[in-house]
C-alpha atoms as a PDB file:
ATOM      1  CA  MET A   1       0.051   0.034  -0.008  1.00  0.00           C
ATOM      2  CA  SER A   2       1.156   3.520  -0.596  1.00  0.00           C
ATOM      3  CA  GLN A   3       1.296   6.061   2.245  1.00  0.00           C
ATOM      4  CA  HIS A   4       1.274   9.791   1.808  1.00  0.00           C
ATOM      5  CA  ILE A   5       1.946  11.541   5.098  1.00  0.00           C
ATOM      6  CA  LEU A   6       1.500  15.109   6.201  1.00  0.00           C
ATOM      7  CA  ASN A   7       2.063  16.353   9.766  1.00  0.00           C
ATOM      8  CA  THR A   8      -0.172  19.314  10.625  1.00  0.00           C
ATOM      9  CA  VAL A   9      -2.388  20.828  13.300  1.00  0.00           C
ATOM     10  CA  CYS A  10      -5.978  19.997  13.766  1.00  0.00           C
ATOM     11  CA  ARG A  11      -7.925  22.460  16.069  1.00  0.00           C
ATOM     12  CA  ASP A  12      -4.668  23.137  17.932  1.00  0.00           C
ATOM     13  CA  PRO A  13      -3.100  19.718  18.674  1.00  0.00           C
ATOM     14  CA  PRO A  14      -0.667  18.286  16.130  1.00  0.00           C
ATOM     15  CA  ALA A  15      -2.055  15.769  13.836  1.00  0.00           C
ATOM     16  CA  GLN A  16      -0.847  13.346  11.125  1.00  0.00           C
ATOM     17  CA  ILE A  17      -2.773  12.745   7.834  1.00  0.00           C
ATOM     18  CA  VAL A  18      -2.054   9.536   6.180  1.00  0.00           C
ATOM     19  CA  MET A  19      -3.753   8.866   2.786  1.00  0.00           C
ATOM     20  CA  GLY A  20      -2.986   6.115   0.462  1.00  0.00           C
ATOM     21  CA  TRP A  21      -3.853   3.413  -2.065  1.00  0.00           C
ATOM     22  CA  ASP A  22      -4.406  -0.148  -0.810  1.00  0.00           C
ATOM     23  CA  ARG A  23      -3.298  -2.232  -3.792  1.00  0.00           C
ATOM     24  CA  ARG A  24      -4.583  -5.502  -2.337  1.00  0.00           C
ATOM     25  CA  LEU A  25      -8.089  -4.121  -1.460  1.00  0.00           C
ATOM     26  CA  GLN A  26      -8.101  -1.694  -4.391  1.00  0.00           C
ATOM     27  CA  TYR A  27      -9.451   1.287  -2.507  1.00  0.00           C
ATOM     28  CA  TYR A  28      -8.043   4.580  -1.041  1.00  0.00           C
ATOM     29  CA  PHE A  29      -7.796   5.196   2.707  1.00  0.00           C
ATOM     30  CA  LEU A  30      -7.558   8.067   5.051  1.00  0.00           C
ATOM     31  CA  THR A  31      -6.668   8.423   8.616  1.00  0.00           C
ATOM     32  CA  VAL A  32      -6.133  11.519  10.808  1.00  0.00           C
ATOM     33  CA  GLU A  33      -4.431  10.802  14.001  1.00  0.00           C
ATOM     34  CA  SER A  34      -4.012  13.220  16.961  1.00  0.00           C
ATOM     35  CA  LEU A  35      -0.405  13.414  18.048  1.00  0.00           C
ATOM     36  CA  ASP A  36      -1.307  14.885  21.330  1.00  0.00           C
ATOM     37  CA  ASP A  37      -0.065  12.612  24.064  1.00  0.00           C
ATOM     38  CA  ASN A  38      -2.291  14.292  26.611  1.00  0.00           C
ATOM     39  CA  ALA A  39      -5.449  13.502  24.743  1.00  0.00           C
ATOM     40  CA  ASP A  40      -7.968  11.368  26.635  1.00  0.00           C
ATOM     41  CA  GLU A  41     -10.798   9.161  25.575  1.00  0.00           C
ATOM     42  CA  ASP A  42     -13.337  11.892  26.194  1.00  0.00           C
ATOM     43  CA  ASP A  43     -11.955  14.166  23.546  1.00  0.00           C
ATOM     44  CA  GLY A  44     -14.020  12.638  20.690  1.00  0.00           C
ATOM     45  CA  THR A  45     -11.322  10.563  19.231  1.00  0.00           C
ATOM     46  CA  SER A  46     -11.242   6.861  18.709  1.00  0.00           C
ATOM     47  CA  ASN A  47      -7.881   5.480  19.918  1.00  0.00           C
ATOM     48  CA  GLY A  48      -6.307   8.769  18.999  1.00  0.00           C
ATOM     49  CA  PHE A  49      -7.853   8.942  15.659  1.00  0.00           C
ATOM     50  CA  LEU A  50      -9.888  12.007  14.631  1.00  0.00           C
ATOM     51  CA  TYR A  51     -11.003  10.189  11.462  1.00  0.00           C
ATOM     52  CA  SER A  52     -10.477   6.781   9.945  1.00  0.00           C
ATOM     53  CA  ASN A  53     -12.230   5.437   6.777  1.00  0.00           C
ATOM     54  CA  LEU A  54     -12.588   2.158   8.611  1.00  0.00           C
ATOM     55  CA  ASP A  55     -15.102   3.778  11.048  1.00  0.00           C
ATOM     56  CA  ASP A  56     -17.016   5.456   8.154  1.00  0.00           C
ATOM     57  CA  ASP A  57     -19.865   3.604   6.707  1.00  0.00           C
ATOM     58  CA  ALA A  58     -20.553   6.298   4.052  1.00  0.00           C
ATOM     59  CA  VAL A  59     -17.347   6.020   2.124  1.00  0.00           C
ATOM     60  CA  PRO A  60     -18.309   6.010  -1.593  1.00  0.00           C
ATOM     61  CA  ALA A  61     -17.071   3.930  -4.451  1.00  0.00           C
ATOM     62  CA  VAL A  62     -13.410   4.243  -5.271  1.00  0.00           C
ATOM     63  CA  GLU A  63     -13.990   6.794  -8.064  1.00  0.00           C
ATOM     64  CA  GLU A  64     -15.384   9.243  -5.641  1.00  0.00           C
ATOM     65  CA  GLN A  65     -13.148   8.473  -2.604  1.00  0.00           C
ATOM     66  CA  ILE A  66     -10.597  11.259  -2.960  1.00  0.00           C
ATOM     67  CA  ALA A  67     -13.181  14.022  -3.256  1.00  0.00           C
ATOM     68  CA  TYR A  68     -15.080  12.497  -0.289  1.00  0.00           C
ATOM     69  CA  PHE A  69     -11.918  12.303   1.795  1.00  0.00           C
ATOM     70  CA  GLU A  70     -11.265  16.011   0.949  1.00  0.00           C
ATOM     71  CA  THR A  71     -14.577  16.935   2.303  1.00  0.00           C
ATOM     72  CA  ARG A  72     -13.929  14.906   5.499  1.00  0.00           C
ATOM     73  CA  LEU A  73     -10.670  16.786   5.985  1.00  0.00           C
ATOM     74  CA  THR A  74     -12.420  20.218   5.390  1.00  0.00           C
ATOM     75  CA  ARG A  75     -14.893  19.342   8.176  1.00  0.00           C
ATOM     76  CA  LEU A  76     -11.894  18.928  10.441  1.00  0.00           C
ATOM     77  CA  GLY A  77     -10.460  22.237   9.372  1.00  0.00           C
ATOM     78  CA  LEU A  78      -7.631  20.526   7.314  1.00  0.00           C
ATOM     79  CA  THR A  79      -6.298  20.735   3.854  1.00  0.00           C
ATOM     80  CA  VAL A  80      -3.626  18.729   2.016  1.00  0.00           C
ATOM     81  CA  PRO A  81      -1.404  19.975  -0.785  1.00  0.00           C
ATOM     82  CA  GLY A  82      -2.443  19.447  -4.314  1.00  0.00           C
ATOM     83  CA  THR A  83       0.641  17.387  -4.963  1.00  0.00           C
ATOM     84  CA  MET A  84      -0.379  14.898  -2.325  1.00  0.00           C
ATOM     85  CA  LEU A  85      -3.754  14.404  -4.038  1.00  0.00           C
ATOM     86  CA  GLU A  86      -2.301  14.170  -7.467  1.00  0.00           C
ATOM     87  CA  ASN A  87       0.329  11.632  -6.378  1.00  0.00           C
ATOM     88  CA  LEU A  88      -2.507   9.618  -4.674  1.00  0.00           C
ATOM     89  CA  ARG A  89      -4.413   9.538  -7.945  1.00  0.00           C
ATOM     90  CA  VAL A  90      -1.303   8.287  -9.759  1.00  0.00           C
ATOM     91  CA  ASP A  91      -0.989   5.461  -7.267  1.00  0.00           C
ATOM     92  CA  ARG A  92      -4.240   3.943  -8.342  1.00  0.00           C
ATOM     93  CA  ILE A  93      -3.379   4.365 -12.018  1.00  0.00           C
ATOM     94  CA  VAL A  94      -0.143   2.475 -11.608  1.00  0.00           C
ATOM     95  CA  ASP A  95      -1.447   0.239  -8.768  1.00  0.00           C
ATOM     96  CA  ARG A  96       1.302   1.303  -6.618  1.00  0.00           C
ATOM     97  CA  GLY A  97       2.257  -0.580  -3.359  1.00  0.00           C
ATOM     98  CA  ASN A  98       4.900  -0.366  -0.678  1.00  0.00           C
ATOM     99  CA  SER A  99       5.774   3.313  -0.884  1.00  0.00           C
ATOM    100  CA  GLN A 100       5.868   6.111   1.573  1.00  0.00           C
ATOM    101  CA  VAL A 101       5.922   9.848   0.844  1.00  0.00           C
ATOM    102  CA  VAL A 102       6.280  12.617   3.291  1.00  0.00           C
ATOM    103  CA  TYR A 103       4.790  16.148   2.483  1.00  0.00           C
ATOM    104  CA  GLN A 104       5.412  19.629   3.642  1.00  0.00           C
ATOM    105  CA  PRO A 105       2.423  22.107   3.772  1.00  0.00           C
ATOM    106  CA  ASP A 106       3.861  23.906   0.676  1.00  0.00           C
ATOM    107  CA  GLY A 107       3.414  20.738  -1.318  1.00  0.00           C
ATOM    108  CA  THR A 108       7.063  19.702  -1.525  1.00  0.00           C
ATOM    109  CA  PHE A 109       7.600  16.105  -0.796  1.00  0.00           C
ATOM    110  CA  ARG A 110      10.249  13.400  -0.211  1.00  0.00           C
ATOM    111  CA  ASN A 111      10.048   9.807  -1.163  1.00  0.00           C
ATOM    112  CA  LEU A 112      11.076   7.478   1.601  1.00  0.00           C
ATOM    113  CA  GLY A 113      10.715   4.257  -0.258  1.00  0.00           C
END
């Protein structure tokens, strides 16, 4: 599976966005994890996750997933660089697996493998 990672801030605490293409299951995924070590179970997160597609029964068909996930991020007050979304689209086209890319807010990125 590919992983596209952006560290950011979500409503003040730091958070990590991970989007990717799951080659085996043939769908995109999105998680937004709070990186606040002081967060407790009453803060509305599920095991530290502010969002996970695994907990979302409304995720549409694969053709609509990126737009849907953009909407979910917007509801959390988050955005991701356009380069991240474009690279994610390419992952599906080439059916990429086993890659990891880290992004900066300005859209620059570094392939980790």
